[in-house]
Amino acid sequence: MNRFKGLFLLTTAITVMLVGCEQPRQNPESLVTIQQYNQLENRAEFEDVIDLLGQPDYINFEENTADEVKFDDEFTRYSWDGVAPNSKIALHFRDGKLYKKEKRGFE
């Protein structure tokens, strides 16, 4: 009986972790579109990108809870959830200017 109880607890814990991995954003209007992503040009100023996309959802893979984000350094990764299911974009800045952009889940 203890073996089944342990297996049940393990299965439950894994299920909870998997369900918690992809939390939907609170404000669906702030999800990034492929059109917005395509508007981003190399060397765009950090503040201009924030004006276009809004505050990032994640900073270095951690959920962003700040009201206002400022440029940190070139090792910081800023990312936003996209409108398409499981889509995201990630942006990297050097000296406050966009130098690398990545997308996932957009067709």
Protein backbone atom coordinates (compact mmCIF):
# COMPACT_ATOMS: atom_id res chain seq x y z
CA MET A 1 0.00 0.00 0.00
CA ASN A 2 2.84 2.43 0.81
CA ARG A 3 4.33 1.82 -2.64
CA PHE A 4 1.09 2.93 -4.33
CA LYS A 5 0.79 5.92 -2.03
CA GLY A 6 4.34 7.02 -2.93
CA LEU A 7 3.66 6.52 -6.65
CA PHE A 8 0.45 8.55 -6.34
CA LEU A 9 2.26 11.40 -4.57
CA LEU A 10 5.05 11.40 -7.18
CA THR A 11 2.55 11.42 -10.06
CA THR A 12 0.59 14.23 -8.44
CA ALA A 13 3.74 16.32 -7.88
CA ILE A 14 4.85 15.89 -11.50
CA THR A 15 1.39 16.82 -12.77
CA VAL A 16 1.30 19.98 -10.64
CA MET A 17 4.76 21.02 -11.87
CA LEU A 18 3.83 20.48 -15.53
CA VAL A 19 0.56 22.36 -15.25
CA GLY A 20 2.34 25.25 -13.50
CA CYS A 21 5.02 25.59 -16.19
CA GLU A 22 2.90 27.45 -18.75
CA GLN A 23 0.76 29.96 -16.93
CA PRO A 24 -1.39 32.14 -19.19
CA ARG A 25 -0.73 35.87 -18.98
CA GLN A 26 -3.22 37.97 -17.08
CA ASN A 27 -3.67 40.48 -19.91
CA PRO A 28 -4.11 38.81 -23.32
CA GLU A 29 -4.00 42.21 -25.08
CA SER A 30 -0.34 42.58 -24.11
CA LEU A 31 0.78 39.41 -25.91
CA VAL A 32 3.34 40.02 -28.65
CA THR A 33 2.35 39.49 -32.28
CA ILE A 34 4.59 38.41 -35.15
CA GLN A 35 3.98 41.85 -36.69
CA GLN A 36 5.43 43.54 -33.60
CA TYR A 37 8.41 41.17 -33.67
CA ASN A 38 9.03 41.99 -37.33
CA GLN A 39 9.01 45.73 -36.52
CA LEU A 40 12.01 45.30 -34.22
CA GLU A 41 15.20 46.41 -35.91
CA ASN A 42 18.78 45.90 -34.78
CA ARG A 43 20.10 48.87 -32.82
CA ALA A 44 16.59 49.84 -31.66
CA GLU A 45 16.74 51.68 -28.33
CA PHE A 46 15.67 49.69 -25.25
CA GLU A 47 13.05 52.32 -24.32
CA ASP A 48 11.55 52.24 -27.84
CA VAL A 49 11.21 48.44 -27.65
CA ILE A 50 9.48 48.74 -24.26
CA ASP A 51 7.13 51.36 -25.73
CA LEU A 52 6.24 48.96 -28.57
CA LEU A 53 5.94 45.70 -26.61
CA GLY A 54 5.24 46.77 -23.04
CA GLN A 55 7.07 45.42 -20.02
CA PRO A 56 8.78 42.04 -20.52
CA ASP A 57 7.19 38.98 -18.98
CA TYR A 58 10.53 37.44 -18.03
CA ILE A 59 14.01 38.70 -17.30
CA ASN A 60 16.69 36.02 -17.46
CA PHE A 61 13.98 33.33 -17.34
CA GLU A 62 12.51 34.76 -14.11
CA GLU A 63 9.00 36.19 -14.07
CA ASN A 64 9.08 39.97 -14.16
CA THR A 65 7.21 41.50 -11.24
CA ALA A 66 8.56 45.05 -11.56
CA ASP A 67 6.27 47.87 -12.65
CA GLU A 68 8.98 49.40 -14.82
CA VAL A 69 12.05 47.67 -16.24
CA LYS A 70 15.25 49.46 -17.14
CA PHE A 71 18.12 48.22 -19.27
CA ASP A 72 20.56 46.23 -17.13
CA ASP A 73 23.48 44.88 -19.18
CA GLU A 74 24.28 42.85 -22.29
CA PHE A 75 23.98 39.56 -20.38
CA THR A 76 20.33 40.18 -19.55
CA ARG A 77 17.68 38.35 -21.59
CA TYR A 78 14.26 39.97 -21.83
CA SER A 79 11.35 37.89 -23.10
CA TRP A 80 7.65 38.26 -23.87
CA ASP A 81 4.86 35.75 -24.39
CA GLY A 82 3.31 35.69 -27.86
CA VAL A 83 -0.27 35.52 -29.07
CA ALA A 84 0.22 32.11 -30.71
CA PRO A 85 0.04 29.13 -28.33
CA ASN A 86 3.43 28.48 -26.69
CA SER A 87 5.06 31.35 -28.58
CA LYS A 88 7.67 33.65 -27.13
CA ILE A 89 10.23 36.19 -28.19
CA ALA A 90 13.56 36.91 -26.52
CA LEU A 91 15.61 40.04 -26.96
CA HIS A 92 19.19 40.91 -26.06
CA PHE A 93 20.57 44.44 -25.80
CA ARG A 94 24.10 45.81 -25.81
CA ASP A 95 24.70 49.37 -24.65
CA GLY A 96 20.92 49.84 -24.51
CA LYS A 97 20.40 48.84 -28.15
CA LEU A 98 18.88 45.68 -29.59
CA TYR A 99 21.51 43.35 -31.03
CA LYS A 100 19.83 39.94 -31.03
CA LYS A 101 16.23 38.80 -31.33
CA GLU A 102 14.77 35.29 -31.23
CA LYS A 103 11.27 33.92 -31.71
CA ARG A 104 9.68 30.58 -30.95
CA GLY A 105 6.25 29.21 -31.77
CA PHE A 106 5.26 31.71 -34.46
CA GLU A 107 4.52 30.34 -37.92
